Amino acid sequence: MTATSVAKKLVGGAVGVLGAAGAAASHLAWYIRYQAEGTARDEADSET
């Protein structure tokens, strides 16, 4: 393997990990808000 292909694999893996971490953080924020407020969706979503 060349250094370029190794670097691309590492960067691609890092992007995937960051995406998964972001999704997990977003879900955790929703869960905490749900536990505190008791609503499954934002009020703006329920109006439509």
C-alpha atoms as a PDB file:
ATOM      1  CA  MET A   1       0.000   0.000   0.000  1.00  0.00           C
ATOM      2  CA  THR A   2       1.131   3.485  -0.682  1.00  0.00           C
ATOM      3  CA  ALA A   3       1.121   6.227   1.897  1.00  0.00           C
ATOM      4  CA  THR A   4      -1.693   7.987   0.028  1.00  0.00           C
ATOM      5  CA  SER A   5      -4.044   5.015   0.176  1.00  0.00           C
ATOM      6  CA  VAL A   6      -3.280   4.480   3.854  1.00  0.00           C
ATOM      7  CA  ALA A   7      -3.986   8.156   4.566  1.00  0.00           C
ATOM      8  CA  LYS A   8      -7.278   7.988   2.629  1.00  0.00           C
ATOM      9  CA  LYS A   9      -8.383   4.954   4.637  1.00  0.00           C
ATOM     10  CA  LEU A  10      -7.506   6.643   7.922  1.00  0.00           C
ATOM     11  CA  VAL A  11      -9.313   9.848   6.990  1.00  0.00           C
ATOM     12  CA  GLY A  12     -12.335   7.910   5.742  1.00  0.00           C
ATOM     13  CA  GLY A  13     -12.455   5.933   8.960  1.00  0.00           C
ATOM     14  CA  ALA A  14     -12.145   9.086  11.042  1.00  0.00           C
ATOM     15  CA  VAL A  15     -15.009  10.718   9.135  1.00  0.00           C
ATOM     16  CA  GLY A  16     -17.176   7.671   9.778  1.00  0.00           C
ATOM     17  CA  VAL A  17     -16.373   7.676  13.490  1.00  0.00           C
ATOM     18  CA  LEU A  18     -17.095  11.407  13.772  1.00  0.00           C
ATOM     19  CA  GLY A  19     -20.407  10.958  11.971  1.00  0.00           C
ATOM     20  CA  ALA A  20     -21.430   8.157  14.300  1.00  0.00           C
ATOM     21  CA  ALA A  21     -20.363  10.160  17.353  1.00  0.00           C
ATOM     22  CA  GLY A  22     -22.378  13.142  16.138  1.00  0.00           C
ATOM     23  CA  ALA A  23     -25.456  11.004  15.614  1.00  0.00           C
ATOM     24  CA  ALA A  24     -25.060   9.474  19.067  1.00  0.00           C
ATOM     25  CA  ALA A  25     -24.691  12.916  20.669  1.00  0.00           C
ATOM     26  CA  SER A  26     -27.784  14.161  18.867  1.00  0.00           C
ATOM     27  CA  HIS A  27     -29.774  11.154  20.029  1.00  0.00           C
ATOM     28  CA  LEU A  28     -28.539  11.585  23.604  1.00  0.00           C
ATOM     29  CA  ALA A  29     -29.620  15.239  23.566  1.00  0.00           C
ATOM     30  CA  TRP A  30     -33.073  14.194  22.310  1.00  0.00           C
ATOM     31  CA  TYR A  31     -33.362  11.500  24.974  1.00  0.00           C
ATOM     32  CA  ILE A  32     -32.454  13.876  27.791  1.00  0.00           C
ATOM     33  CA  ARG A  33     -34.934  16.465  26.469  1.00  0.00           C
ATOM     34  CA  TYR A  34     -37.609  13.741  26.194  1.00  0.00           C
ATOM     35  CA  GLN A  35     -37.028  12.644  29.773  1.00  0.00           C
ATOM     36  CA  ALA A  36     -37.194  16.229  31.034  1.00  0.00           C
ATOM     37  CA  GLU A  37     -40.162  17.455  28.973  1.00  0.00           C
ATOM     38  CA  GLY A  38     -42.003  14.241  28.205  1.00  0.00           C
ATOM     39  CA  THR A  39     -42.629  15.098  24.551  1.00  0.00           C
ATOM     40  CA  ALA A  40     -41.455  12.927  21.691  1.00  0.00           C
ATOM     41  CA  ARG A  41     -41.305  15.739  19.119  1.00  0.00           C
ATOM     42  CA  ASP A  42     -40.750  19.471  19.006  1.00  0.00           C
ATOM     43  CA  GLU A  43     -43.908  21.586  19.095  1.00  0.00           C
ATOM     44  CA  ALA A  44     -43.233  22.861  15.567  1.00  0.00           C
ATOM     45  CA  ASP A  45     -43.360  19.278  14.275  1.00  0.00           C
ATOM     46  CA  SER A  46     -46.711  18.542  15.885  1.00  0.00           C
ATOM     47  CA  GLU A  47     -48.380  21.635  14.404  1.00  0.00           C
ATOM     48  CA  THR A  48     -47.952  20.444  10.822  1.00  0.00           C
END
